[in-house]
Amino acid sequence: LAVKASDMQKRNIPFRLEAAVPVDHIDMPSGELCRAVGILLDNAAKETEEYLRDLKKRAEVTALFCAAEEGVSILIRNPVRGEVPISRIWEDEFSTKGKNRGTGLTSFRKIVESHENIASFTYQENGFFVQEMKIEAQKSGKKTGRKRR
């Protein structure tokens, strides 16, 4: 998070991090967690950078961490300039940015799908693109939950 926040600061992209309560444990390997959140933040930063450049309106990337007894939700939100083809973003090598791109969300999807206790949700509303990852707390070492998109 610190590296991504620093990168956004250097690129003049406003970034807001919120965590209502301390997040002290996430039932997901830390390397995969960093990779998954990093992909979402990179994509959000790139779109926000273009939004700021093209529309010259106030905008920011928001990362929200919500910890509860049942697990942790991580929500990444950014403004968008138009409709995002959500049904296509999960396709291998699909990108709204041109050819030879589009591997980030494929990697994100593979990370999510490799864990039964993790679900992801993607939607667009009120001019914002939102990606949420819910990581269910493991109970007695037993994996629970469902994968959703």
C-alpha atoms as a PDB file:
ATOM      1  CA  LEU A   1       0.000   0.000   0.000  1.00  0.00           C
ATOM      2  CA  ALA A   2       2.763   2.406   0.875  1.00  0.00           C
ATOM      3  CA  VAL A   3       4.519   1.839  -2.458  1.00  0.00           C
ATOM      4  CA  LYS A   4       1.290   2.298  -4.426  1.00  0.00           C
ATOM      5  CA  ALA A   5       0.358   5.413  -2.415  1.00  0.00           C
ATOM      6  CA  SER A   6       3.826   6.874  -2.993  1.00  0.00           C
ATOM      7  CA  ASP A   7       3.611   6.146  -6.720  1.00  0.00           C
ATOM      8  CA  MET A   8       0.220   7.861  -6.927  1.00  0.00           C
ATOM      9  CA  GLN A   9       1.545  10.853  -5.007  1.00  0.00           C
ATOM     10  CA  LYS A  10       4.451  11.197  -7.487  1.00  0.00           C
ATOM     11  CA  ARG A  11       1.927  11.103 -10.350  1.00  0.00           C
ATOM     12  CA  ASN A  12      -0.362  13.675  -8.630  1.00  0.00           C
ATOM     13  CA  ILE A  13      -3.188  11.183  -8.261  1.00  0.00           C
ATOM     14  CA  PRO A  14      -5.164  11.808  -5.059  1.00  0.00           C
ATOM     15  CA  PHE A  15      -5.381   8.650  -2.926  1.00  0.00           C
ATOM     16  CA  ARG A  16      -7.518   8.022   0.129  1.00  0.00           C
ATOM     17  CA  LEU A  17      -7.068   5.012   2.396  1.00  0.00           C
ATOM     18  CA  GLU A  18      -9.737   4.189   4.939  1.00  0.00           C
ATOM     19  CA  ALA A  19      -9.846   1.523   7.627  1.00  0.00           C
ATOM     20  CA  ALA A  20     -12.505   2.046  10.289  1.00  0.00           C
ATOM     21  CA  VAL A  21     -10.930  -0.540  12.596  1.00  0.00           C
ATOM     22  CA  PRO A  22      -7.434  -2.015  12.573  1.00  0.00           C
ATOM     23  CA  VAL A  23      -6.982  -4.949  10.209  1.00  0.00           C
ATOM     24  CA  ASP A  24      -4.755  -7.340  12.108  1.00  0.00           C
ATOM     25  CA  HIS A  25      -5.307 -10.592  10.207  1.00  0.00           C
ATOM     26  CA  ILE A  26      -6.346 -11.585   6.695  1.00  0.00           C
ATOM     27  CA  ASP A  27      -6.806 -15.246   5.780  1.00  0.00           C
ATOM     28  CA  MET A  28      -4.821 -15.040   2.569  1.00  0.00           C
ATOM     29  CA  PRO A  29      -1.106 -15.444   1.857  1.00  0.00           C
ATOM     30  CA  SER A  30       0.496 -12.005   2.132  1.00  0.00           C
ATOM     31  CA  GLY A  31       2.250 -12.232  -1.244  1.00  0.00           C
ATOM     32  CA  GLU A  32      -1.000 -12.982  -3.041  1.00  0.00           C
ATOM     33  CA  LEU A  33      -2.798 -10.284  -1.061  1.00  0.00           C
ATOM     34  CA  CYS A  34      -0.193  -7.692  -2.073  1.00  0.00           C
ATOM     35  CA  ARG A  35      -0.332  -8.825  -5.713  1.00  0.00           C
ATOM     36  CA  ALA A  36      -4.161  -8.761  -5.850  1.00  0.00           C
ATOM     37  CA  VAL A  37      -4.544  -5.364  -4.169  1.00  0.00           C
ATOM     38  CA  GLY A  38      -1.616  -4.017  -6.193  1.00  0.00           C
ATOM     39  CA  ILE A  39      -3.312  -4.969  -9.474  1.00  0.00           C
ATOM     40  CA  LEU A  40      -6.540  -3.256  -8.442  1.00  0.00           C
ATOM     41  CA  LEU A  41      -4.697  -0.137  -7.283  1.00  0.00           C
ATOM     42  CA  ASP A  42      -2.563   0.039 -10.449  1.00  0.00           C
ATOM     43  CA  ASN A  43      -5.674  -0.159 -12.632  1.00  0.00           C
ATOM     44  CA  ALA A  44      -7.526   2.408 -10.523  1.00  0.00           C
ATOM     45  CA  ALA A  45      -4.554   4.792 -10.576  1.00  0.00           C
ATOM     46  CA  LYS A  46      -4.150   4.554 -14.352  1.00  0.00           C
ATOM     47  CA  GLU A  47      -7.838   5.261 -15.028  1.00  0.00           C
ATOM     48  CA  THR A  48      -7.906   8.093 -12.479  1.00  0.00           C
ATOM     49  CA  GLU A  49      -4.784   9.630 -14.012  1.00  0.00           C
ATOM     50  CA  GLU A  50      -6.449   9.626 -17.436  1.00  0.00           C
ATOM     51  CA  TYR A  51      -9.714  10.909 -15.944  1.00  0.00           C
ATOM     52  CA  LEU A  52      -7.898  13.840 -14.342  1.00  0.00           C
ATOM     53  CA  ARG A  53      -6.003  14.591 -17.555  1.00  0.00           C
ATOM     54  CA  ASP A  54      -8.998  14.316 -19.920  1.00  0.00           C
ATOM     55  CA  LEU A  55     -11.836  15.739 -17.837  1.00  0.00           C
ATOM     56  CA  LYS A  56      -9.912  18.046 -15.513  1.00  0.00           C
ATOM     57  CA  LYS A  57     -12.347  17.254 -12.697  1.00  0.00           C
ATOM     58  CA  ARG A  58     -11.560  16.462  -9.078  1.00  0.00           C
ATOM     59  CA  ALA A  59     -11.056  12.710  -8.640  1.00  0.00           C
ATOM     60  CA  GLU A  60      -9.303  10.232  -6.374  1.00  0.00           C
ATOM     61  CA  VAL A  61      -8.601   6.558  -5.860  1.00  0.00           C
ATOM     62  CA  THR A  62     -10.157   5.207  -2.683  1.00  0.00           C
ATOM     63  CA  ALA A  63      -9.095   2.029  -0.881  1.00  0.00           C
ATOM     64  CA  LEU A  64     -11.374   0.900   1.926  1.00  0.00           C
ATOM     65  CA  PHE A  65     -10.472  -1.929   4.298  1.00  0.00           C
ATOM     66  CA  CYS A  66     -13.340  -3.242   6.443  1.00  0.00           C
ATOM     67  CA  ALA A  67     -12.514  -5.812   9.098  1.00  0.00           C
ATOM     68  CA  ALA A  68     -15.233  -7.789  10.852  1.00  0.00           C
ATOM     69  CA  GLU A  69     -15.491 -11.075  12.702  1.00  0.00           C
ATOM     70  CA  GLU A  70     -16.470 -12.873   9.484  1.00  0.00           C
ATOM     71  CA  GLY A  71     -13.487 -11.580   7.532  1.00  0.00           C
ATOM     72  CA  VAL A  72     -12.130  -8.588   5.628  1.00  0.00           C
ATOM     73  CA  SER A  73     -13.509  -6.658   2.676  1.00  0.00           C
ATOM     74  CA  ILE A  74     -11.198  -4.596   0.513  1.00  0.00           C
ATOM     75  CA  LEU A  75     -12.861  -2.127  -1.819  1.00  0.00           C
ATOM     76  CA  ILE A  76     -11.018  -0.130  -4.483  1.00  0.00           C
ATOM     77  CA  ARG A  77     -12.969   2.674  -6.156  1.00  0.00           C
ATOM     78  CA  ASN A  78     -12.044   5.108  -8.927  1.00  0.00           C
ATOM     79  CA  PRO A  79     -13.845   7.437 -11.327  1.00  0.00           C
ATOM     80  CA  VAL A  80     -14.377   6.329 -14.933  1.00  0.00           C
ATOM     81  CA  ARG A  81     -14.836   8.293 -18.108  1.00  0.00           C
ATOM     82  CA  GLY A  82     -17.436   5.967 -19.650  1.00  0.00           C
ATOM     83  CA  GLU A  83     -19.028   2.547 -19.521  1.00  0.00           C
ATOM     84  CA  VAL A  84     -16.654  -0.282 -18.668  1.00  0.00           C
ATOM     85  CA  PRO A  85     -17.429  -3.584 -20.445  1.00  0.00           C
ATOM     86  CA  ILE A  86     -17.495  -5.544 -17.181  1.00  0.00           C
ATOM     87  CA  SER A  87     -18.472  -8.797 -18.893  1.00  0.00           C
ATOM     88  CA  ARG A  88     -15.255  -8.614 -20.970  1.00  0.00           C
ATOM     89  CA  ILE A  89     -12.642  -7.432 -18.456  1.00  0.00           C
ATOM     90  CA  TRP A  90     -12.092 -10.999 -17.236  1.00  0.00           C
ATOM     91  CA  GLU A  91     -11.126 -12.261 -20.698  1.00  0.00           C
ATOM     92  CA  ASP A  92      -7.459 -13.138 -21.180  1.00  0.00           C
ATOM     93  CA  GLU A  93      -5.543 -10.219 -22.707  1.00  0.00           C
ATOM     94  CA  PHE A  94      -8.617  -7.954 -22.872  1.00  0.00           C
ATOM     95  CA  SER A  95      -7.787  -4.332 -22.171  1.00  0.00           C
ATOM     96  CA  THR A  96      -9.458  -1.001 -22.702  1.00  0.00           C
ATOM     97  CA  LYS A  97      -5.906   0.407 -23.042  1.00  0.00           C
ATOM     98  CA  GLY A  98      -4.865  -1.330 -26.275  1.00  0.00           C
ATOM     99  CA  LYS A  99      -2.995  -4.442 -27.452  1.00  0.00           C
ATOM    100  CA  ASN A 100      -0.423  -6.444 -25.471  1.00  0.00           C
ATOM    101  CA  ARG A 101      -1.994  -5.498 -22.156  1.00  0.00           C
ATOM    102  CA  GLY A 102      -4.740  -6.919 -19.987  1.00  0.00           C
ATOM    103  CA  THR A 103      -2.834  -9.451 -17.898  1.00  0.00           C
ATOM    104  CA  GLY A 104      -3.471  -7.809 -14.510  1.00  0.00           C
ATOM    105  CA  LEU A 105      -7.123  -8.725 -14.072  1.00  0.00           C
ATOM    106  CA  THR A 106      -6.447 -12.209 -15.425  1.00  0.00           C
ATOM    107  CA  SER A 107      -3.826 -12.620 -12.667  1.00  0.00           C
ATOM    108  CA  PHE A 108      -6.229 -11.128 -10.108  1.00  0.00           C
ATOM    109  CA  ARG A 109      -8.960 -13.560 -11.169  1.00  0.00           C
ATOM    110  CA  LYS A 110      -6.584 -16.526 -10.838  1.00  0.00           C
ATOM    111  CA  ILE A 111      -5.594 -15.445  -7.324  1.00  0.00           C
ATOM    112  CA  VAL A 112      -9.237 -15.102  -6.255  1.00  0.00           C
ATOM    113  CA  GLU A 113     -10.248 -18.407  -7.835  1.00  0.00           C
ATOM    114  CA  SER A 114      -7.406 -20.269  -6.123  1.00  0.00           C
ATOM    115  CA  HIS A 115      -8.977 -19.626  -2.697  1.00  0.00           C
ATOM    116  CA  GLU A 116     -12.399 -20.926  -1.671  1.00  0.00           C
ATOM    117  CA  ASN A 117     -12.718 -18.250   1.015  1.00  0.00           C
ATOM    118  CA  ILE A 118     -12.284 -15.311  -1.382  1.00  0.00           C
ATOM    119  CA  ALA A 119     -14.906 -13.703  -3.583  1.00  0.00           C
ATOM    120  CA  SER A 120     -14.670 -10.681  -5.840  1.00  0.00           C
ATOM    121  CA  PHE A 121     -17.341  -8.283  -6.999  1.00  0.00           C
ATOM    122  CA  THR A 122     -17.015  -5.747  -9.793  1.00  0.00           C
ATOM    123  CA  TYR A 123     -19.532  -3.088 -10.688  1.00  0.00           C
ATOM    124  CA  GLN A 124     -19.942   0.426 -11.971  1.00  0.00           C
ATOM    125  CA  GLU A 125     -22.241   3.005 -10.415  1.00  0.00           C
ATOM    126  CA  ASN A 126     -22.643   6.780 -10.414  1.00  0.00           C
ATOM    127  CA  GLY A 127     -19.526   7.346 -12.518  1.00  0.00           C
ATOM    128  CA  PHE A 128     -17.310   5.084 -10.412  1.00  0.00           C
ATOM    129  CA  PHE A 129     -15.732   1.699 -11.076  1.00  0.00           C
ATOM    130  CA  VAL A 130     -15.659  -0.481  -7.966  1.00  0.00           C
ATOM    131  CA  GLN A 131     -13.832  -3.719  -7.292  1.00  0.00           C
ATOM    132  CA  GLU A 132     -14.316  -5.487  -4.005  1.00  0.00           C
ATOM    133  CA  MET A 133     -12.547  -8.509  -2.623  1.00  0.00           C
ATOM    134  CA  LYS A 134     -14.127 -10.306   0.334  1.00  0.00           C
ATOM    135  CA  ILE A 135     -11.849 -12.593   2.283  1.00  0.00           C
ATOM    136  CA  GLU A 136     -13.804 -14.820   4.632  1.00  0.00           C
ATOM    137  CA  ALA A 137     -12.146 -15.768   7.909  1.00  0.00           C
ATOM    138  CA  GLN A 138     -11.150 -19.419   8.040  1.00  0.00           C
ATOM    139  CA  LYS A 139     -12.840 -21.467  10.737  1.00  0.00           C
ATOM    140  CA  SER A 140     -10.974 -24.443  12.172  1.00  0.00           C
ATOM    141  CA  GLY A 141      -8.717 -24.627   9.150  1.00  0.00           C
ATOM    142  CA  LYS A 142     -11.715 -25.479   6.966  1.00  0.00           C
ATOM    143  CA  LYS A 143     -12.122 -23.469   3.773  1.00  0.00           C
ATOM    144  CA  THR A 144     -15.561 -21.972   3.320  1.00  0.00           C
ATOM    145  CA  GLY A 145     -17.248 -19.521   1.042  1.00  0.00           C
ATOM    146  CA  ARG A 146     -17.854 -19.242  -2.691  1.00  0.00           C
ATOM    147  CA  LYS A 147     -16.115 -17.640  -5.623  1.00  0.00           C
ATOM    148  CA  ARG A 148     -18.213 -14.977  -7.298  1.00  0.00           C
ATOM    149  CA  ARG A 149     -17.729 -12.242  -9.820  1.00  0.00           C
END
